[in-house]
């Protein structure tokens, strides 16, 4: 199982476990987090790219992984990803470089998987 599959399985399992506890505030936050990325004055693709920049700058690898998947699903192409990475580097500085490296590795894995070349 690759990093992408591990992330998706762990995220699904833990989200189910956390939400099963029935905490209203947690459920409200989960709902808000999902809804904020829906189309509005800004389209969802733009919002996901903004989420990816913020995640890179904040150095949250789980968030970076999530937003790479979402961006890819929203049609962000490789050139667009590299522009997003450039913005994160300028905003976050050199400390974001390791996170950009992992983001590129994940993007490669995601593209290979979606092209039927997973391994």
PDB file of N, CA and C in Angstrom:
ATOM      1  N   UNK A   1       0.857  -1.183   0.000  1.00  0.00           N
ATOM      2  CA  UNK A   1       0.000   0.000   0.000  1.00  0.00           C
ATOM      3  C   UNK A   1       0.897   1.238   0.000  1.00  0.00           C
ATOM      4  N   UNK A   2       0.615   2.161  -0.909  1.00  0.00           N
ATOM      5  CA  UNK A   2       1.396   3.389  -1.012  1.00  0.00           C
ATOM      6  C   UNK A   2       0.952   4.436  -0.006  1.00  0.00           C
ATOM      7  N   UNK A   3       1.702   5.490   0.025  1.00  0.00           N
ATOM      8  CA  UNK A   3       1.410   6.588   0.952  1.00  0.00           C
ATOM      9  C   UNK A   3      -0.001   7.133   0.738  1.00  0.00           C
ATOM     10  N   UNK A   4      -0.405   7.245  -0.509  1.00  0.00           N
ATOM     11  CA  UNK A   4      -1.723   7.777  -0.836  1.00  0.00           C
ATOM     12  C   UNK A   4      -2.831   6.889  -0.267  1.00  0.00           C
ATOM     13  N   UNK A   5      -2.727   5.585  -0.490  1.00  0.00           N
ATOM     14  CA  UNK A   5      -3.742   4.665   0.018  1.00  0.00           C
ATOM     15  C   UNK A   5      -3.761   4.637   1.541  1.00  0.00           C
ATOM     16  N   UNK A   6      -2.576   4.652   2.152  1.00  0.00           N
ATOM     17  CA  UNK A   6      -2.497   4.673   3.617  1.00  0.00           C
ATOM     18  C   UNK A   6      -3.187   5.912   4.177  1.00  0.00           C
ATOM     19  N   UNK A   7      -2.912   7.054   3.560  1.00  0.00           N
ATOM     20  CA  UNK A   7      -3.532   8.294   4.007  1.00  0.00           C
ATOM     21  C   UNK A   7      -5.046   8.216   3.893  1.00  0.00           C
ATOM     22  N   UNK A   8      -5.542   7.793   2.727  1.00  0.00           N
ATOM     23  CA  UNK A   8      -6.988   7.753   2.507  1.00  0.00           C
ATOM     24  C   UNK A   8      -7.679   6.789   3.460  1.00  0.00           C
ATOM     25  N   UNK A   9      -7.077   5.610   3.683  1.00  0.00           N
ATOM     26  CA  UNK A   9      -7.682   4.631   4.592  1.00  0.00           C
ATOM     27  C   UNK A   9      -7.680   5.139   6.033  1.00  0.00           C
ATOM     28  N   UNK A  10      -6.541   5.655   6.486  1.00  0.00           N
ATOM     29  CA  UNK A  10      -6.440   6.160   7.854  1.00  0.00           C
ATOM     30  C   UNK A  10      -7.412   7.320   8.074  1.00  0.00           C
ATOM     31  N   UNK A  11      -7.473   8.232   7.128  1.00  0.00           N
ATOM     32  CA  UNK A  11      -8.365   9.390   7.250  1.00  0.00           C
ATOM     33  C   UNK A  11      -9.824   8.947   7.336  1.00  0.00           C
ATOM     34  N   UNK A  12     -10.224   8.029   6.473  1.00  0.00           N
ATOM     35  CA  UNK A  12     -11.598   7.540   6.477  1.00  0.00           C
ATOM     36  C   UNK A  12     -11.925   6.859   7.815  1.00  0.00           C
ATOM     37  N   UNK A  13     -11.052   5.965   8.260  1.00  0.00           N
ATOM     38  CA  UNK A  13     -11.291   5.241   9.508  1.00  0.00           C
ATOM     39  C   UNK A  13     -11.376   6.182  10.707  1.00  0.00           C
ATOM     40  N   UNK A  14     -10.441   7.114  10.798  1.00  0.00           N
ATOM     41  CA  UNK A  14     -10.422   8.015  11.952  1.00  0.00           C
ATOM     42  C   UNK A  14     -11.581   9.010  11.909  1.00  0.00           C
ATOM     43  N   UNK A  15     -11.942   9.508  10.725  1.00  0.00           N
ATOM     44  CA  UNK A  15     -13.099  10.397  10.623  1.00  0.00           C
ATOM     45  C   UNK A  15     -14.357   9.691  11.081  1.00  0.00           C
ATOM     46  N   UNK A  16     -14.542   8.439  10.656  1.00  0.00           N
ATOM     47  CA  UNK A  16     -15.712   7.674  11.083  1.00  0.00           C
ATOM     48  C   UNK A  16     -15.728   7.505  12.594  1.00  0.00           C
ATOM     49  N   UNK A  17     -14.592   7.184  13.156  1.00  0.00           N
ATOM     50  CA  UNK A  17     -14.482   6.981  14.612  1.00  0.00           C
ATOM     51  C   UNK A  17     -14.788   8.277  15.368  1.00  0.00           C
ATOM     52  N   UNK A  18     -14.193   9.367  14.930  1.00  0.00           N
ATOM     53  CA  UNK A  18     -14.386  10.650  15.603  1.00  0.00           C
ATOM     54  C   UNK A  18     -15.841  11.103  15.496  1.00  0.00           C
ATOM     55  N   UNK A  19     -16.405  11.018  14.303  1.00  0.00           N
ATOM     56  CA  UNK A  19     -17.788  11.470  14.101  1.00  0.00           C
ATOM     57  C   UNK A  19     -18.802  10.558  14.778  1.00  0.00           C
ATOM     58  N   UNK A  20     -18.450   9.288  14.986  1.00  0.00           N
ATOM     59  CA  UNK A  20     -19.350   8.347  15.652  1.00  0.00           C
ATOM     60  C   UNK A  20     -19.576   8.709  17.117  1.00  0.00           C
ATOM     61  N   UNK A  21     -18.672   9.472  17.686  1.00  0.00           N
ATOM     62  CA  UNK A  21     -18.819   9.883  19.086  1.00  0.00           C
ATOM     63  C   UNK A  21     -19.981  10.857  19.278  1.00  0.00           C
ATOM     64  N   UNK A  22     -20.424  11.483  18.215  1.00  0.00           N
ATOM     65  CA  UNK A  22     -21.606  12.320  18.292  1.00  0.00           C
ATOM     66  C   UNK A  22     -21.414  13.702  18.881  1.00  0.00           C
ATOM     67  N   UNK A  23     -20.183  14.183  18.962  1.00  0.00           N
ATOM     68  CA  UNK A  23     -19.930  15.509  19.497  1.00  0.00           C
ATOM     69  C   UNK A  23     -20.432  16.561  18.513  1.00  0.00           C
ATOM     70  N   UNK A  24     -21.396  17.359  18.932  1.00  0.00           N
ATOM     71  CA  UNK A  24     -22.035  18.336  18.058  1.00  0.00           C
ATOM     72  C   UNK A  24     -21.041  19.363  17.516  1.00  0.00           C
ATOM     73  N   UNK A  25     -20.146  19.850  18.363  1.00  0.00           N
ATOM     74  CA  UNK A  25     -19.190  20.863  17.922  1.00  0.00           C
ATOM     75  C   UNK A  25     -18.246  20.302  16.856  1.00  0.00           C
ATOM     76  N   UNK A  26     -17.808  19.056  17.047  1.00  0.00           N
ATOM     77  CA  UNK A  26     -16.942  18.427  16.051  1.00  0.00           C
ATOM     78  C   UNK A  26     -17.679  18.273  14.734  1.00  0.00           C
ATOM     79  N   UNK A  27     -18.922  17.813  14.806  1.00  0.00           N
ATOM     80  CA  UNK A  27     -19.717  17.652  13.587  1.00  0.00           C
ATOM     81  C   UNK A  27     -19.926  18.994  12.892  1.00  0.00           C
ATOM     82  N   UNK A  28     -20.154  20.038  13.634  1.00  0.00           N
ATOM     83  CA  UNK A  28     -20.327  21.368  13.038  1.00  0.00           C
ATOM     84  C   UNK A  28     -19.053  21.829  12.350  1.00  0.00           C
ATOM     85  N   UNK A  29     -17.914  21.598  13.006  1.00  0.00           N
ATOM     86  CA  UNK A  29     -16.651  21.999  12.403  1.00  0.00           C
ATOM     87  C   UNK A  29     -16.393  21.212  11.121  1.00  0.00           C
ATOM     88  N   UNK A  30     -16.601  19.883  11.156  1.00  0.00           N
ATOM     89  CA  UNK A  30     -16.421  19.048   9.966  1.00  0.00           C
ATOM     90  C   UNK A  30     -17.303  19.576   8.832  1.00  0.00           C
ATOM     91  N   UNK A  31     -18.537  19.911   9.142  1.00  0.00           N
ATOM     92  CA  UNK A  31     -19.469  20.428   8.140  1.00  0.00           C
ATOM     93  C   UNK A  31     -18.966  21.755   7.556  1.00  0.00           C
ATOM     94  N   UNK A  32     -18.545  22.660   8.426  1.00  0.00           N
ATOM     95  CA  UNK A  32     -18.025  23.947   7.971  1.00  0.00           C
ATOM     96  C   UNK A  32     -16.787  23.751   7.105  1.00  0.00           C
ATOM     97  N   UNK A  33     -15.907  22.866   7.533  1.00  0.00           N
ATOM     98  CA  UNK A  33     -14.684  22.607   6.773  1.00  0.00           C
ATOM     99  C   UNK A  33     -15.005  22.099   5.375  1.00  0.00           C
ATOM    100  N   UNK A  34     -16.003  21.281   5.247  1.00  0.00           N
ATOM    101  CA  UNK A  34     -16.384  20.786   3.930  1.00  0.00           C
ATOM    102  C   UNK A  34     -17.066  21.834   3.075  1.00  0.00           C
ATOM    103  N   UNK A  35     -17.924  22.599   3.692  1.00  0.00           N
ATOM    104  CA  UNK A  35     -18.717  23.579   2.939  1.00  0.00           C
ATOM    105  C   UNK A  35     -17.914  24.785   2.473  1.00  0.00           C
ATOM    106  N   UNK A  36     -16.888  25.160   3.202  1.00  0.00           N
ATOM    107  CA  UNK A  36     -16.128  26.363   2.850  1.00  0.00           C
ATOM    108  C   UNK A  36     -15.434  26.218   1.492  1.00  0.00           C
ATOM    109  N   UNK A  37     -15.195  24.983   1.061  1.00  0.00           N
ATOM    110  CA  UNK A  37     -14.522  24.752  -0.216  1.00  0.00           C
ATOM    111  C   UNK A  37     -15.494  24.602  -1.384  1.00  0.00           C
ATOM    112  N   UNK A  38     -16.788  24.735  -1.138  1.00  0.00           N
ATOM    113  CA  UNK A  38     -17.770  24.661  -2.219  1.00  0.00           C
ATOM    114  C   UNK A  38     -17.703  25.923  -3.077  1.00  0.00           C
ATOM    115  N   UNK A  39     -18.201  25.821  -4.305  1.00  0.00           N
ATOM    116  CA  UNK A  39     -18.245  26.985  -5.190  1.00  0.00           C
ATOM    117  C   UNK A  39     -19.014  28.125  -4.544  1.00  0.00           C
ATOM    118  N   UNK A  40     -18.491  29.307  -4.683  1.00  0.00           N
ATOM    119  CA  UNK A  40     -19.124  30.537  -4.221  1.00  0.00           C
ATOM    120  C   UNK A  40     -18.639  31.642  -5.145  1.00  0.00           C
ATOM    121  N   UNK A  41     -18.311  32.794  -4.593  1.00  0.00           N
ATOM    122  CA  UNK A  41     -17.705  33.852  -5.412  1.00  0.00           C
ATOM    123  C   UNK A  41     -16.375  33.367  -5.986  1.00  0.00           C
ATOM    124  N   UNK A  42     -15.688  32.514  -5.211  1.00  0.00           N
ATOM    125  CA  UNK A  42     -14.500  31.818  -5.714  1.00  0.00           C
ATOM    126  C   UNK A  42     -14.911  30.385  -6.024  1.00  0.00           C
ATOM    127  N   UNK A  43     -14.383  29.850  -7.120  1.00  0.00           N
ATOM    128  CA  UNK A  43     -14.715  28.464  -7.438  1.00  0.00           C
ATOM    129  C   UNK A  43     -13.946  27.514  -6.514  1.00  0.00           C
ATOM    130  N   UNK A  44     -14.430  26.283  -6.428  1.00  0.00           N
ATOM    131  CA  UNK A  44     -13.845  25.326  -5.490  1.00  0.00           C
ATOM    132  C   UNK A  44     -12.394  24.986  -5.853  1.00  0.00           C
ATOM    133  N   UNK A  45     -12.041  25.011  -7.121  1.00  0.00           N
ATOM    134  CA  UNK A  45     -10.665  24.750  -7.508  1.00  0.00           C
ATOM    135  C   UNK A  45      -9.721  25.794  -6.895  1.00  0.00           C
ATOM    136  N   UNK A  46     -10.095  27.058  -7.011  1.00  0.00           N
ATOM    137  CA  UNK A  46      -9.290  28.140  -6.436  1.00  0.00           C
ATOM    138  C   UNK A  46      -9.188  27.987  -4.927  1.00  0.00           C
ATOM    139  N   UNK A  47     -10.287  27.665  -4.282  1.00  0.00           N
ATOM    140  CA  UNK A  47     -10.289  27.493  -2.827  1.00  0.00           C
ATOM    141  C   UNK A  47      -9.382  26.342  -2.397  1.00  0.00           C
ATOM    142  N   UNK A  48      -9.402  25.245  -3.148  1.00  0.00           N
ATOM    143  CA  UNK A  48      -8.527  24.111  -2.817  1.00  0.00           C
ATOM    144  C   UNK A  48      -7.063  24.491  -3.001  1.00  0.00           C
ATOM    145  N   UNK A  49      -6.750  25.261  -4.040  1.00  0.00           N
ATOM    146  CA  UNK A  49      -5.368  25.706  -4.222  1.00  0.00           C
ATOM    147  C   UNK A  49      -4.954  26.622  -3.074  1.00  0.00           C
ATOM    148  N   UNK A  50      -5.862  27.468  -2.610  1.00  0.00           N
ATOM    149  CA  UNK A  50      -5.560  28.317  -1.458  1.00  0.00           C
ATOM    150  C   UNK A  50      -5.321  27.457  -0.218  1.00  0.00           C
ATOM    151  N   UNK A  51      -6.136  26.424  -0.061  1.00  0.00           N
ATOM    152  CA  UNK A  51      -5.943  25.495   1.055  1.00  0.00           C
ATOM    153  C   UNK A  51      -4.592  24.806   0.985  1.00  0.00           C
ATOM    154  N   UNK A  52      -4.163  24.461  -0.224  1.00  0.00           N
ATOM    155  CA  UNK A  52      -2.861  23.821  -0.391  1.00  0.00           C
ATOM    156  C   UNK A  52      -1.733  24.776  -0.025  1.00  0.00           C
ATOM    157  N   UNK A  53      -1.814  26.014  -0.456  1.00  0.00           N
ATOM    158  CA  UNK A  53      -0.784  26.996  -0.082  1.00  0.00           C
ATOM    159  C   UNK A  53      -0.725  27.139   1.440  1.00  0.00           C
ATOM    160  N   UNK A  54      -1.884  27.312   2.066  1.00  0.00           N
ATOM    161  CA  UNK A  54      -1.904  27.469   3.526  1.00  0.00           C
ATOM    162  C   UNK A  54      -1.322  26.238   4.212  1.00  0.00           C
ATOM    163  N   UNK A  55      -1.654  25.065   3.721  1.00  0.00           N
ATOM    164  CA  UNK A  55      -1.163  23.832   4.327  1.00  0.00           C
ATOM    165  C   UNK A  55       0.344  23.699   4.192  1.00  0.00           C
ATOM    166  N   UNK A  56       0.884  24.082   3.035  1.00  0.00           N
ATOM    167  CA  UNK A  56       2.333  24.052   2.852  1.00  0.00           C
ATOM    168  C   UNK A  56       3.020  25.050   3.783  1.00  0.00           C
ATOM    169  N   UNK A  57       2.469  26.254   3.865  1.00  0.00           N
ATOM    170  CA  UNK A  57       3.068  27.281   4.716  1.00  0.00           C
ATOM    171  C   UNK A  57       2.999  26.882   6.191  1.00  0.00           C
ATOM    172  N   UNK A  58       1.885  26.257   6.586  1.00  0.00           N
ATOM    173  CA  UNK A  58       1.731  25.804   7.971  1.00  0.00           C
ATOM    174  C   UNK A  58       2.442  24.477   8.226  1.00  0.00           C
ATOM    175  N   UNK A  59       2.958  23.854   7.164  1.00  0.00           N
ATOM    176  CA  UNK A  59       3.749  22.632   7.232  1.00  0.00           C
ATOM    177  C   UNK A  59       2.967  21.455   7.823  1.00  0.00           C
ATOM    178  N   UNK A  60       1.739  21.296   7.336  1.00  0.00           N
ATOM    179  CA  UNK A  60       0.898  20.181   7.761  1.00  0.00           C
ATOM    180  C   UNK A  60       0.822  19.163   6.620  1.00  0.00           C
ATOM    181  N   UNK A  61       1.608  18.106   6.713  1.00  0.00           N
ATOM    182  CA  UNK A  61       1.665  17.131   5.625  1.00  0.00           C
ATOM    183  C   UNK A  61       0.328  16.441   5.367  1.00  0.00           C
ATOM    184  N   UNK A  62      -0.442  16.145   6.413  1.00  0.00           N
ATOM    185  CA  UNK A  62      -1.769  15.551   6.189  1.00  0.00           C
ATOM    186  C   UNK A  62      -2.653  16.508   5.398  1.00  0.00           C
ATOM    187  N   UNK A  63      -2.611  17.774   5.739  1.00  0.00           N
ATOM    188  CA  UNK A  63      -3.421  18.766   5.024  1.00  0.00           C
ATOM    189  C   UNK A  63      -2.933  18.931   3.589  1.00  0.00           C
ATOM    190  N   UNK A  64      -1.620  18.920   3.402  1.00  0.00           N
ATOM    191  CA  UNK A  64      -1.056  19.011   2.057  1.00  0.00           C
ATOM    192  C   UNK A  64      -1.558  17.834   1.221  1.00  0.00           C
ATOM    193  N   UNK A  65      -1.493  16.640   1.786  1.00  0.00           N
ATOM    194  CA  UNK A  65      -1.965  15.443   1.077  1.00  0.00           C
ATOM    195  C   UNK A  65      -3.424  15.586   0.699  1.00  0.00           C
ATOM    196  N   UNK A  66      -4.243  15.986   1.660  1.00  0.00           N
ATOM    197  CA  UNK A  66      -5.675  16.144   1.404  1.00  0.00           C
ATOM    198  C   UNK A  66      -5.921  17.147   0.274  1.00  0.00           C
ATOM    199  N   UNK A  67      -5.270  18.286   0.328  1.00  0.00           N
ATOM    200  CA  UNK A  67      -5.517  19.323  -0.675  1.00  0.00           C
ATOM    201  C   UNK A  67      -4.935  18.964  -2.043  1.00  0.00           C
ATOM    202  N   UNK A  68      -3.856  18.195  -2.082  1.00  0.00           N
ATOM    203  CA  UNK A  68      -3.358  17.728  -3.376  1.00  0.00           C
ATOM    204  C   UNK A  68      -4.398  16.826  -4.025  1.00  0.00           C
ATOM    205  N   UNK A  69      -4.978  15.920  -3.247  1.00  0.00           N
ATOM    206  CA  UNK A  69      -6.027  15.041  -3.776  1.00  0.00           C
ATOM    207  C   UNK A  69      -7.203  15.863  -4.265  1.00  0.00           C
ATOM    208  N   UNK A  70      -7.654  16.814  -3.452  1.00  0.00           N
ATOM    209  CA  UNK A  70      -8.801  17.638  -3.826  1.00  0.00           C
ATOM    210  C   UNK A  70      -8.496  18.489  -5.053  1.00  0.00           C
ATOM    211  N   UNK A  71      -7.317  19.103  -5.085  1.00  0.00           N
ATOM    212  CA  UNK A  71      -6.932  19.916  -6.240  1.00  0.00           C
ATOM    213  C   UNK A  71      -6.913  19.065  -7.504  1.00  0.00           C
ATOM    214  N   UNK A  72      -6.320  17.890  -7.413  1.00  0.00           N
ATOM    215  CA  UNK A  72      -6.256  16.997  -8.577  1.00  0.00           C
ATOM    216  C   UNK A  72      -7.668  16.652  -9.037  1.00  0.00           C
ATOM    217  N   UNK A  73      -8.551  16.351  -8.090  1.00  0.00           N
ATOM    218  CA  UNK A  73      -9.951  16.049  -8.434  1.00  0.00           C
ATOM    219  C   UNK A  73     -10.651  17.246  -9.065  1.00  0.00           C
ATOM    220  N   UNK A  74     -10.210  18.455  -8.732  1.00  0.00           N
ATOM    221  CA  UNK A  74     -10.811  19.680  -9.270  1.00  0.00           C
ATOM    222  C   UNK A  74     -10.178  20.090 -10.602  1.00  0.00           C
ATOM    223  N   UNK A  75      -9.257  19.283 -11.112  1.00  0.00           N
ATOM    224  CA  UNK A  75      -8.684  19.560 -12.424  1.00  0.00           C
ATOM    225  C   UNK A  75      -7.416  20.395 -12.424  1.00  0.00           C
ATOM    226  N   UNK A  76      -6.795  20.568 -11.262  1.00  0.00           N
ATOM    227  CA  UNK A  76      -5.529  21.301 -11.223  1.00  0.00           C
ATOM    228  C   UNK A  76      -4.477  20.449 -11.931  1.00  0.00           C
ATOM    229  N   UNK A  77      -3.819  21.044 -12.928  1.00  0.00           N
ATOM    230  CA  UNK A  77      -2.805  20.286 -13.675  1.00  0.00           C
ATOM    231  C   UNK A  77      -1.428  20.540 -13.061  1.00  0.00           C
ATOM    232  N   UNK A  78      -0.455  19.802 -13.561  1.00  0.00           N
ATOM    233  CA  UNK A  78       0.891  19.840 -12.985  1.00  0.00           C
ATOM    234  C   UNK A  78       1.483  21.247 -12.991  1.00  0.00           C
ATOM    235  N   UNK A  79       1.302  21.980 -14.081  1.00  0.00           N
ATOM    236  CA  UNK A  79       1.811  23.349 -14.138  1.00  0.00           C
ATOM    237  C   UNK A  79       1.178  24.239 -13.082  1.00  0.00           C
ATOM    238  N   UNK A  80      -0.111  24.065 -12.877  1.00  0.00           N
ATOM    239  CA  UNK A  80      -0.804  24.844 -11.846  1.00  0.00           C
ATOM    240  C   UNK A  80      -0.277  24.478 -10.459  1.00  0.00           C
ATOM    241  N   UNK A  81      -0.045  23.172 -10.220  1.00  0.00           N
ATOM    242  CA  UNK A  81       0.512  22.752  -8.931  1.00  0.00           C
ATOM    243  C   UNK A  81       1.833  23.450  -8.661  1.00  0.00           C
ATOM    244  N   UNK A  82       2.691  23.525  -9.678  1.00  0.00           N
ATOM    245  CA  UNK A  82       3.998  24.152  -9.468  1.00  0.00           C
ATOM    246  C   UNK A  82       3.879  25.654  -9.207  1.00  0.00           C
ATOM    247  N   UNK A  83       2.884  26.294  -9.756  1.00  0.00           N
ATOM    248  CA  UNK A  83       2.649  27.699  -9.408  1.00  0.00           C
ATOM    249  C   UNK A  83       2.197  27.815  -7.958  1.00  0.00           C
ATOM    250  N   UNK A  84       1.335  26.898  -7.528  1.00  0.00           N
ATOM    251  CA  UNK A  84       0.911  26.874  -6.125  1.00  0.00           C
ATOM    252  C   UNK A  84       2.122  26.650  -5.221  1.00  0.00           C
ATOM    253  N   UNK A  85       2.992  25.700  -5.590  1.00  0.00           N
ATOM    254  CA  UNK A  85       4.193  25.444  -4.793  1.00  0.00           C
ATOM    255  C   UNK A  85       5.061  26.696  -4.718  1.00  0.00           C
ATOM    256  N   UNK A  86       5.180  27.425  -5.826  1.00  0.00           N
ATOM    257  CA  UNK A  86       5.981  28.651  -5.830  1.00  0.00           C
ATOM    258  C   UNK A  86       5.414  29.690  -4.872  1.00  0.00           C
ATOM    259  N   UNK A  87       4.110  29.839  -4.860  1.00  0.00           N
ATOM    260  CA  UNK A  87       3.492  30.798  -3.933  1.00  0.00           C
ATOM    261  C   UNK A  87       3.792  30.385  -2.498  1.00  0.00           C
ATOM    262  N   UNK A  88       3.639  29.096  -2.198  1.00  0.00           N
ATOM    263  CA  UNK A  88       3.917  28.620  -0.843  1.00  0.00           C
ATOM    264  C   UNK A  88       5.368  28.860  -0.452  1.00  0.00           C
ATOM    265  N   UNK A  89       6.290  28.648  -1.392  1.00  0.00           N
ATOM    266  CA  UNK A  89       7.698  28.897  -1.099  1.00  0.00           C
ATOM    267  C   UNK A  89       7.969  30.365  -0.807  1.00  0.00           C
ATOM    268  N   UNK A  90       7.363  31.248  -1.589  1.00  0.00           N
ATOM    269  CA  UNK A  90       7.572  32.678  -1.376  1.00  0.00           C
ATOM    270  C   UNK A  90       6.960  33.118  -0.042  1.00  0.00           C
ATOM    271  N   UNK A  91       5.763  32.639   0.240  1.00  0.00           N
ATOM    272  CA  UNK A  91       5.082  33.032   1.479  1.00  0.00           C
ATOM    273  C   UNK A  91       5.728  32.375   2.692  1.00  0.00           C
ATOM    274  N   UNK A  92       6.048  31.088   2.581  1.00  0.00           N
ATOM    275  CA  UNK A  92       6.526  30.330   3.733  1.00  0.00           C
ATOM    276  C   UNK A  92       8.021  30.281   3.907  1.00  0.00           C
ATOM    277  N   UNK A  93       8.764  30.572   2.857  1.00  0.00           N
ATOM    278  CA  UNK A  93      10.217  30.545   2.952  1.00  0.00           C
ATOM    279  C   UNK A  93      10.793  29.154   2.777  1.00  0.00           C
ATOM    280  N   UNK A  94      12.092  29.070   2.969  1.00  0.00           N
ATOM    281  CA  UNK A  94      12.809  27.827   2.693  1.00  0.00           C
ATOM    282  C   UNK A  94      12.386  26.674   3.599  1.00  0.00           C
ATOM    283  N   UNK A  95      11.775  26.981   4.733  1.00  0.00           N
ATOM    284  CA  UNK A  95      11.355  25.916   5.640  1.00  0.00           C
ATOM    285  C   UNK A  95      10.245  25.056   5.030  1.00  0.00           C
ATOM    286  N   UNK A  96       9.604  25.556   3.978  1.00  0.00           N
ATOM    287  CA  UNK A  96       8.556  24.774   3.317  1.00  0.00           C
ATOM    288  C   UNK A  96       9.112  23.796   2.276  1.00  0.00           C
ATOM    289  N   UNK A  97      10.398  23.902   1.943  1.00  0.00           N
ATOM    290  CA  UNK A  97      10.981  23.059   0.895  1.00  0.00           C
ATOM    291  C   UNK A  97      10.763  21.566   1.143  1.00  0.00           C
ATOM    292  N   UNK A  98      11.005  21.039   2.351  1.00  0.00           N
ATOM    293  CA  UNK A  98      10.764  19.603   2.549  1.00  0.00           C
ATOM    294  C   UNK A  98       9.303  19.208   2.307  1.00  0.00           C
ATOM    295  N   UNK A  99       8.392  20.085   2.604  1.00  0.00           N
ATOM    296  CA  UNK A  99       6.974  19.805   2.407  1.00  0.00           C
ATOM    297  C   UNK A  99       6.611  19.856   0.919  1.00  0.00           C
ATOM    298  N   UNK A 100       7.255  20.744   0.196  1.00  0.00           N
ATOM    299  CA  UNK A 100       7.057  20.779  -1.255  1.00  0.00           C
ATOM    300  C   UNK A 100       7.615  19.503  -1.879  1.00  0.00           C
ATOM    301  N   UNK A 101       8.762  19.035  -1.384  1.00  0.00           N
ATOM    302  CA  UNK A 101       9.318  17.779  -1.894  1.00  0.00           C
ATOM    303  C   UNK A 101       8.327  16.631  -1.713  1.00  0.00           C
ATOM    304  N   UNK A 102       7.784  16.517  -0.508  1.00  0.00           N
ATOM    305  CA  UNK A 102       6.820  15.442  -0.244  1.00  0.00           C
ATOM    306  C   UNK A 102       5.551  15.640  -1.067  1.00  0.00           C
ATOM    307  N   UNK A 103       5.173  16.892  -1.287  1.00  0.00           N
ATOM    308  CA  UNK A 103       3.988  17.175  -2.116  1.00  0.00           C
ATOM    309  C   UNK A 103       4.212  16.711  -3.549  1.00  0.00           C
ATOM    310  N   UNK A 104       5.391  16.959  -4.095  1.00  0.00           N
ATOM    311  CA  UNK A 104       5.695  16.529  -5.459  1.00  0.00           C
ATOM    312  C   UNK A 104       5.707  14.999  -5.529  1.00  0.00           C
ATOM    313  N   UNK A 105       6.296  14.344  -4.544  1.00  0.00           N
ATOM    314  CA  UNK A 105       6.306  12.877  -4.528  1.00  0.00           C
ATOM    315  C   UNK A 105       4.884  12.327  -4.488  1.00  0.00           C
ATOM    316  N   UNK A 106       4.046  12.945  -3.690  1.00  0.00           N
ATOM    317  CA  UNK A 106       2.651  12.511  -3.614  1.00  0.00           C
ATOM    318  C   UNK A 106       1.919  12.780  -4.921  1.00  0.00           C
ATOM    319  N   UNK A 107       2.170  13.926  -5.528  1.00  0.00           N
ATOM    320  CA  UNK A 107       1.557  14.241  -6.813  1.00  0.00           C
ATOM    321  C   UNK A 107       1.965  13.203  -7.860  1.00  0.00           C
ATOM    322  N   UNK A 108       3.227  12.819  -7.875  1.00  0.00           N
ATOM    323  CA  UNK A 108       3.683  11.771  -8.794  1.00  0.00           C
ATOM    324  C   UNK A 108       2.922  10.470  -8.546  1.00  0.00           C
ATOM    325  N   UNK A 109       2.781  10.099  -7.273  1.00  0.00           N
ATOM    326  CA  UNK A 109       2.062   8.872  -6.912  1.00  0.00           C
ATOM    327  C   UNK A 109       0.593   8.956  -7.333  1.00  0.00           C
ATOM    328  N   UNK A 110      -0.022  10.091  -7.090  1.00  0.00           N
ATOM    329  CA  UNK A 110      -1.426  10.280  -7.445  1.00  0.00           C
ATOM    330  C   UNK A 110      -1.629  10.202  -8.955  1.00  0.00           C
ATOM    331  N   UNK A 111      -0.768  10.881  -9.707  1.00  0.00           N
ATOM    332  CA  UNK A 111      -0.886  10.845 -11.161  1.00  0.00           C
ATOM    333  C   UNK A 111      -0.676   9.433 -11.704  1.00  0.00           C
ATOM    334  N   UNK A 112       0.281   8.704 -11.141  1.00  0.00           N
ATOM    335  CA  UNK A 112       0.531   7.322 -11.569  1.00  0.00           C
ATOM    336  C   UNK A 112      -0.675   6.447 -11.256  1.00  0.00           C
ATOM    337  N   UNK A 113      -1.238   6.620 -10.076  1.00  0.00           N
ATOM    338  CA  UNK A 113      -2.402   5.816  -9.676  1.00  0.00           C
ATOM    339  C   UNK A 113      -3.587   6.104 -10.597  1.00  0.00           C
ATOM    340  N   UNK A 114      -3.838   7.360 -10.854  1.00  0.00           N
ATOM    341  CA  UNK A 114      -4.980   7.735 -11.675  1.00  0.00           C
ATOM    342  C   UNK A 114      -4.783   7.342 -13.138  1.00  0.00           C
ATOM    343  N   UNK A 115      -3.529   7.172 -13.544  1.00  0.00           N
ATOM    344  CA  UNK A 115      -3.245   6.744 -14.915  1.00  0.00           C
ATOM    345  C   UNK A 115      -3.180   5.218 -15.021  1.00  0.00           C
ATOM    346  N   UNK A 116      -3.426   4.544 -13.894  1.00  0.00           N
ATOM    347  CA  UNK A 116      -3.430   3.090 -13.894  1.00  0.00           C
ATOM    348  C   UNK A 116      -2.069   2.453 -13.756  1.00  0.00           C
ATOM    349  N   UNK A 117      -1.104   3.235 -13.264  1.00  0.00           N
ATOM    350  CA  UNK A 117       0.265   2.716 -13.122  1.00  0.00           C
ATOM    351  C   UNK A 117       0.657   2.585 -11.666  1.00  0.00           C
ATOM    352  N   UNK A 118      -0.311   2.400 -10.765  1.00  0.00           N
ATOM    353  CA  UNK A 118       0.043   2.363  -9.332  1.00  0.00           C
ATOM    354  C   UNK A 118       0.924   1.164  -9.042  1.00  0.00           C
ATOM    355  N   UNK A 119       1.767   1.372  -8.049  1.00  0.00           N
ATOM    356  CA  UNK A 119       2.681   0.295  -7.720  1.00  0.00           C
ATOM    357  C   UNK A 119       3.329   0.486  -6.454  1.00  0.00           C
TER     358      UNK A 119
END
